[in-house]
């Protein structure tokens, strides 16, 4: 039986929006896993059998025994009880399990929509790429965890930034394809405002990656003053005794300072963009004149509050969610500018 393939489908758009919302949940759960030091509690990568958690006392003792081999346990958590281990285990297991669920929520409707003819020729390869990105993200997650199992107390900040960056790319691509499924592909022509919009999106993404380095190094637990860093514009020990290029990724002081100043740059760029939209005659972009400045003000305020309070879990997760909202709103502005070009 033949089916008609349209360039738009509300059902496909809604499905991709659900996937995007689940990816947002994955990012927040992942942030919780990092901030509670839960990420190294599962020391093996079992994509299929790992979906079943420990069911007996002996199962829990075996998982705990494996964790006790890690440097993190031996040097930082040697007094941890089995009950305390179970707490961090459930966060990491939940993070991985949510990844498996997202995979199913994507793959099963993908096959269904393909067979039913609901996917345009343009969408099919793009959705397949998104599927491959999801699979790669699972491998990147294990690659990240593996970096912290031996001779480190935490995972590599480089791998953490890669993992978080891929999560935001998957989120952005899901939202973009959802919009395309609902409204059709954007026009081929390009305009100056579209280019500016994508430049702003790239700057927001860069700030998110810098935030991942702050989280990876626990760099938010030092210089907990604002606006200066313990009274200095450039903190003492900026390079941390290292050469410049490793220092900008490995010095706690440098990583925090770069995240601070790039945050200010993002705020200035957003307000400049809002002024540009205000001067534009295209009505479709006008809502972003208010949405983006409101989000960036809230995000800066949350960042400052989290820093001054020495990054408590609640404020840190709110700051991460703020980054998600700002990223998605900026992407939607770029999408709208692209169509209005």
Protein backbone atom coordinates (compact mmCIF):
# COMPACT_ATOMS: atom_id res chain seq x y z
CA UNK A 1 0.00 0.00 0.00
CA UNK A 2 1.48 3.37 -1.02
CA UNK A 3 1.45 6.38 1.24
CA UNK A 4 1.73 10.04 0.36
CA UNK A 5 4.83 11.75 1.71
CA UNK A 6 4.35 15.41 2.67
CA UNK A 7 7.06 17.94 3.43
CA UNK A 8 5.35 18.70 6.76
CA UNK A 9 3.84 16.55 9.50
CA UNK A 10 2.53 17.74 12.84
CA UNK A 11 2.85 14.21 14.26
CA UNK A 12 6.53 14.00 13.32
CA UNK A 13 7.11 17.48 14.72
CA UNK A 14 5.46 16.58 18.03
CA UNK A 15 7.48 13.35 18.25
CA UNK A 16 10.75 15.23 17.77
CA UNK A 17 9.67 17.82 20.31
CA UNK A 18 9.07 15.03 22.85
CA UNK A 19 12.55 13.68 22.08
CA UNK A 20 13.99 17.17 22.62
CA UNK A 21 12.22 17.51 25.97
CA UNK A 22 13.60 14.13 27.03
CA UNK A 23 17.10 15.28 26.04
CA UNK A 24 16.59 18.32 28.29
CA UNK A 25 15.74 15.91 31.10
CA UNK A 26 18.85 13.91 30.25
CA UNK A 27 21.00 17.04 30.51
CA UNK A 28 19.57 17.91 33.93
CA UNK A 29 19.93 14.36 35.24
CA UNK A 30 23.47 14.30 33.87
CA UNK A 31 24.21 17.54 35.69
CA UNK A 32 22.86 16.06 38.91
CA UNK A 33 25.01 12.97 38.37
CA UNK A 34 28.10 15.15 38.00
CA UNK A 35 27.31 17.44 40.94
CA UNK A 36 26.60 14.52 43.29
CA UNK A 37 29.79 12.72 42.20
CA UNK A 38 27.71 9.78 41.03
CA UNK A 39 29.20 9.32 37.58
CA UNK A 40 31.82 6.73 38.52
CA UNK A 41 29.51 4.52 40.57
CA UNK A 42 28.94 2.12 37.63
CA UNK A 43 32.31 0.92 36.41
CA UNK A 44 31.22 -1.17 33.44
CA UNK A 45 29.48 -0.36 30.18
CA UNK A 46 26.68 -2.82 29.49
CA UNK A 47 24.30 -1.17 27.00
CA UNK A 48 21.73 -4.01 27.16
CA UNK A 49 22.15 -6.00 30.38
CA UNK A 50 22.97 -2.83 32.32
CA UNK A 51 19.31 -1.88 32.08
CA UNK A 52 18.65 -4.31 34.93
CA UNK A 53 19.80 -2.84 38.28
CA UNK A 54 21.10 -4.94 41.20
CA UNK A 55 18.24 -7.07 42.50
CA UNK A 56 19.79 -8.90 45.46
CA UNK A 57 22.07 -8.05 48.34
CA UNK A 58 24.92 -9.95 46.68
CA UNK A 59 24.38 -7.95 43.46
CA UNK A 60 24.71 -4.70 45.40
CA UNK A 61 27.82 -5.93 47.18
CA UNK A 62 29.40 -6.87 43.84
CA UNK A 63 28.69 -3.41 42.37
CA UNK A 64 30.10 -1.79 45.48
CA UNK A 65 33.20 -3.99 45.29
CA UNK A 66 33.81 -2.82 41.71
CA UNK A 67 33.43 0.82 42.77
CA UNK A 68 35.89 0.28 45.61
CA UNK A 69 38.61 -0.34 43.01
CA UNK A 70 38.34 3.21 41.70
CA UNK A 71 40.73 5.97 42.69
CA UNK A 72 37.75 8.11 43.66
CA UNK A 73 36.69 5.62 46.32
CA UNK A 74 40.21 4.91 47.59
CA UNK A 75 41.25 8.55 47.94
CA UNK A 76 37.98 10.37 48.56
CA UNK A 77 35.16 8.01 49.58
CA UNK A 78 36.87 5.24 51.51
CA UNK A 79 34.45 5.71 54.42
CA UNK A 80 31.38 5.32 52.18
CA UNK A 81 28.77 2.80 53.29
CA UNK A 82 26.77 0.52 51.01
CA UNK A 83 23.66 2.65 51.58
CA UNK A 84 25.55 5.77 50.50
CA UNK A 85 26.83 3.93 47.45
CA UNK A 86 23.29 2.98 46.49
CA UNK A 87 22.35 6.69 46.39
CA UNK A 88 25.02 7.59 43.84
CA UNK A 89 24.46 4.33 41.93
CA UNK A 90 20.78 5.15 41.32
CA UNK A 91 21.64 8.56 39.86
CA UNK A 92 24.11 7.09 37.38
CA UNK A 93 21.82 4.16 36.57
CA UNK A 94 18.93 6.57 36.03
CA UNK A 95 21.06 8.67 33.72
CA UNK A 96 21.99 5.67 31.60
CA UNK A 97 18.46 4.27 31.70
CA UNK A 98 17.01 7.54 30.49
CA UNK A 99 19.44 7.37 27.58
CA UNK A 100 18.13 3.91 26.68
CA UNK A 101 14.52 5.14 26.88
CA UNK A 102 15.29 8.11 24.64
CA UNK A 103 16.82 5.71 22.13
CA UNK A 104 13.61 3.67 22.04
CA UNK A 105 11.37 6.75 21.92
CA UNK A 106 13.35 7.89 18.90
CA UNK A 107 13.96 4.61 17.05
CA UNK A 108 10.49 3.02 17.18
CA UNK A 109 8.51 6.04 15.85
CA UNK A 110 11.30 6.69 13.34
CA UNK A 111 10.71 3.28 11.75
CA UNK A 112 6.94 3.72 11.99
CA UNK A 113 6.90 7.16 10.35
CA UNK A 114 9.30 5.98 7.66
CA UNK A 115 7.14 2.97 6.77
CA UNK A 116 3.95 5.03 6.84
CA UNK A 117 5.38 7.63 4.48
CA UNK A 118 5.28 10.52 6.94
CA UNK A 119 8.93 11.47 6.39
CA UNK A 120 10.01 13.65 3.51
CA UNK A 121 13.03 12.72 1.41
CA UNK A 122 14.84 15.64 3.03
CA UNK A 123 14.08 14.55 6.59
CA UNK A 124 14.99 10.87 6.26
CA UNK A 125 18.80 11.23 6.10
CA UNK A 126 18.77 14.00 8.70
CA UNK A 127 16.83 11.84 11.14
CA UNK A 128 19.20 8.95 10.49
CA UNK A 129 22.10 11.25 11.34
CA UNK A 130 20.30 12.18 14.57
CA UNK A 131 19.90 8.49 15.39
CA UNK A 132 23.64 7.92 14.84
CA UNK A 133 24.43 10.94 17.02
CA UNK A 134 22.40 9.41 19.83
CA UNK A 135 24.32 6.15 19.56
CA UNK A 136 27.62 8.01 19.48
CA UNK A 137 26.59 9.93 22.59
CA UNK A 138 26.29 6.68 24.53
CA UNK A 139 29.82 5.72 23.49
CA UNK A 140 31.11 9.21 24.39
CA UNK A 141 29.49 8.87 27.80
CA UNK A 142 31.35 5.66 28.51
CA UNK A 143 34.58 7.15 27.11
CA UNK A 144 34.10 9.97 29.61
CA UNK A 145 33.42 7.65 32.55
CA UNK A 146 36.41 5.45 31.69
CA UNK A 147 38.72 8.45 32.06
CA UNK A 148 37.90 8.66 35.77
CA UNK A 149 38.16 5.03 36.80
CA UNK A 150 41.95 4.94 37.24
CA UNK A 151 44.41 7.54 38.58
CA UNK A 152 41.80 10.35 38.75
CA UNK A 153 39.22 11.54 41.26
CA UNK A 154 36.91 12.78 38.51
CA UNK A 155 36.35 12.28 34.82
CA UNK A 156 38.41 14.26 32.31
CA UNK A 157 37.05 17.78 31.88
CA UNK A 158 37.82 17.51 28.16
CA UNK A 159 35.62 14.42 27.82
CA UNK A 160 32.93 15.95 30.02
CA UNK A 161 32.83 19.01 27.75
CA UNK A 162 32.62 16.73 24.70
CA UNK A 163 29.74 14.77 26.25
CA UNK A 164 27.80 17.89 27.23
CA UNK A 165 28.52 19.55 23.89
CA UNK A 166 27.14 16.56 22.01
CA UNK A 167 24.03 16.60 24.23
CA UNK A 168 23.34 20.21 23.24
CA UNK A 169 24.01 19.47 19.57
CA UNK A 170 21.49 16.61 19.72
CA UNK A 171 19.01 18.90 21.50
CA UNK A 172 19.47 21.68 18.96
CA UNK A 173 19.22 19.34 15.98
CA UNK A 174 16.05 17.74 17.41
CA UNK A 175 14.40 21.14 17.85
CA UNK A 176 15.51 22.28 14.41
CA UNK A 177 14.13 19.17 12.71
CA UNK A 178 10.91 19.46 14.72
CA UNK A 179 10.45 22.98 13.37
CA UNK A 180 11.25 21.79 9.87
CA UNK A 181 8.74 18.93 10.14
CA UNK A 182 6.06 21.39 11.25
CA UNK A 183 6.72 24.32 8.93
CA UNK A 184 8.75 22.86 6.10
CA UNK A 185 12.42 23.45 5.20
CA UNK A 186 13.80 27.00 5.39
CA UNK A 187 14.44 28.89 2.13
CA UNK A 188 17.80 28.54 0.45
CA UNK A 189 18.56 32.28 0.51
CA UNK A 190 20.61 33.73 3.36
CA UNK A 191 20.56 37.16 4.93
CA UNK A 192 22.79 39.20 7.26
CA UNK A 193 20.42 38.82 10.20
CA UNK A 194 20.46 35.04 9.82
CA UNK A 195 24.26 35.08 9.93
CA UNK A 196 24.23 37.25 13.05
CA UNK A 197 21.69 34.91 14.66
CA UNK A 198 23.87 31.86 14.06
CA UNK A 199 26.92 33.73 15.38
CA UNK A 200 25.00 34.44 18.59
CA UNK A 201 24.00 30.77 18.81
CA UNK A 202 27.66 29.76 18.43
CA UNK A 203 28.64 32.17 21.22
CA UNK A 204 25.99 30.72 23.56
CA UNK A 205 27.23 27.21 22.74
CA UNK A 206 30.82 28.26 23.50
CA UNK A 207 29.72 29.58 26.89
CA UNK A 208 28.03 26.25 27.63
CA UNK A 209 31.26 24.40 26.82
CA UNK A 210 33.21 26.75 29.10
CA UNK A 211 30.66 25.96 31.81
CA UNK A 212 31.39 22.27 31.31
CA UNK A 213 35.06 22.92 32.06
CA UNK A 214 34.05 24.78 35.23
CA UNK A 215 31.94 21.80 36.31
CA UNK A 216 34.59 19.28 35.31
CA UNK A 217 37.25 20.96 37.42
CA UNK A 218 34.91 21.99 40.28
CA UNK A 219 36.18 25.49 39.53
CA UNK A 220 33.01 27.07 40.89
CA UNK A 221 34.11 26.25 44.43
CA UNK A 222 36.88 28.86 44.41
CA UNK A 223 36.82 32.66 44.02
CA UNK A 224 33.30 32.80 45.40
CA UNK A 225 33.09 36.57 45.23
CA UNK A 226 31.58 38.95 42.70
CA UNK A 227 32.17 41.11 40.68
CA UNK A 228 35.89 40.67 41.34
CA UNK A 229 37.66 37.38 41.96
CA UNK A 230 38.85 37.74 45.56
CA UNK A 231 39.48 41.43 44.88
CA UNK A 232 41.25 40.98 41.55
CA UNK A 233 40.10 41.47 37.97
CA UNK A 234 42.51 38.75 36.85
CA UNK A 235 42.85 36.28 39.73
CA UNK A 236 46.11 35.46 41.34
CA UNK A 237 47.33 32.14 40.05
CA UNK A 238 45.55 32.60 36.73
CA UNK A 239 47.90 30.22 34.93
CA UNK A 240 48.39 27.96 37.92
CA UNK A 241 52.08 27.48 37.11
CA UNK A 242 51.29 26.11 33.64
CA UNK A 243 51.94 27.33 30.13
CA UNK A 244 49.13 29.38 28.61
CA UNK A 245 47.45 26.77 26.39
CA UNK A 246 47.09 23.98 28.93
CA UNK A 247 46.23 26.56 31.61
CA UNK A 248 43.16 27.90 29.79
CA UNK A 249 41.65 24.41 30.02
CA UNK A 250 43.22 23.11 33.23
CA UNK A 251 43.79 26.05 35.58
CA UNK A 252 40.80 26.41 37.91
CA UNK A 253 41.25 30.18 38.09
CA UNK A 254 41.53 30.59 34.31
CA UNK A 255 38.55 28.36 33.57
CA UNK A 256 36.30 30.26 35.96
CA UNK A 257 37.46 33.66 34.72
CA UNK A 258 36.82 32.74 31.09
CA UNK A 259 33.33 31.50 31.92
CA UNK A 260 32.59 34.74 33.78
CA UNK A 261 33.78 37.07 31.04
CA UNK A 262 32.23 35.09 28.21
CA UNK A 263 28.97 35.29 30.14
CA UNK A 264 29.22 39.08 30.11
CA UNK A 265 29.99 38.94 26.38
CA UNK A 266 26.92 36.77 25.76
CA UNK A 267 24.76 39.27 27.68
CA UNK A 268 26.10 42.21 25.63
CA UNK A 269 25.63 40.27 22.41
CA UNK A 270 22.04 39.39 23.31
CA UNK A 271 21.15 43.01 24.04
CA UNK A 272 22.81 44.15 20.80
CA UNK A 273 20.82 41.48 18.96
CA UNK A 274 17.61 42.66 20.64
CA UNK A 275 18.28 46.22 19.42
CA UNK A 276 18.87 44.86 15.92
CA UNK A 277 15.52 43.03 16.03
CA UNK A 278 13.80 46.16 17.34
CA UNK A 279 14.97 48.01 14.22
CA UNK A 280 13.87 45.21 11.91
CA UNK A 281 10.47 45.37 10.19
CA UNK A 282 9.96 41.58 10.37
CA UNK A 283 7.29 40.94 12.99
CA UNK A 284 8.12 37.22 13.37
CA UNK A 285 11.36 38.07 15.16
CA UNK A 286 9.89 40.64 17.58
CA UNK A 287 9.14 38.21 20.45
CA UNK A 288 12.86 37.40 20.74
CA UNK A 289 13.53 41.06 21.47
CA UNK A 290 12.03 40.36 24.91
CA UNK A 291 12.60 36.61 25.36
CA UNK A 292 16.37 36.56 24.88
CA UNK A 293 17.24 39.51 27.16
CA UNK A 294 14.93 38.13 29.88
CA UNK A 295 16.60 34.72 29.69
CA UNK A 296 20.14 36.09 29.69
CA UNK A 297 19.44 38.36 32.69
CA UNK A 298 18.03 35.40 34.59
CA UNK A 299 20.95 33.21 33.60
CA UNK A 300 23.56 35.76 34.70
CA UNK A 301 21.72 36.22 38.01
CA UNK A 302 21.60 32.45 38.58
CA UNK A 303 25.29 32.12 37.78
CA UNK A 304 26.22 34.82 40.28
CA UNK A 305 23.92 33.37 42.95
CA UNK A 306 25.35 29.87 42.45
CA UNK A 307 28.91 31.20 42.67
CA UNK A 308 28.31 33.22 45.84
CA UNK A 309 26.58 30.24 47.50
CA UNK A 310 29.49 27.94 46.48
CA UNK A 311 27.50 26.04 43.84
CA UNK A 312 24.75 24.26 45.80
CA UNK A 313 22.92 21.58 43.84
CA UNK A 314 19.62 23.44 43.40
CA UNK A 315 21.11 26.69 42.10
CA UNK A 316 23.59 24.84 39.92
CA UNK A 317 20.85 22.84 38.23
CA UNK A 318 18.74 25.97 37.79
CA UNK A 319 21.74 27.61 36.11
CA UNK A 320 22.11 24.59 33.82
CA UNK A 321 18.42 24.69 32.93
CA UNK A 322 18.80 28.40 32.21
CA UNK A 323 21.55 27.53 29.74
CA UNK A 324 19.23 25.05 28.03
CA UNK A 325 16.43 27.62 27.73
CA UNK A 326 18.76 30.31 26.40
CA UNK A 327 20.28 27.90 23.88
CA UNK A 328 16.89 26.71 22.58
CA UNK A 329 15.50 30.25 22.41
CA UNK A 330 18.57 31.44 20.49
CA UNK A 331 18.25 28.49 18.12
CA UNK A 332 14.58 29.31 17.53
CA UNK A 333 15.56 32.91 16.82
CA UNK A 334 18.13 31.67 14.29
CA UNK A 335 15.49 29.43 12.71
CA UNK A 336 13.06 32.33 12.44
CA UNK A 337 15.71 34.69 11.05
CA UNK A 338 16.69 32.05 8.51
CA UNK A 339 13.14 31.82 7.20
CA UNK A 340 12.67 35.58 7.27
CA UNK A 341 15.94 36.28 5.44
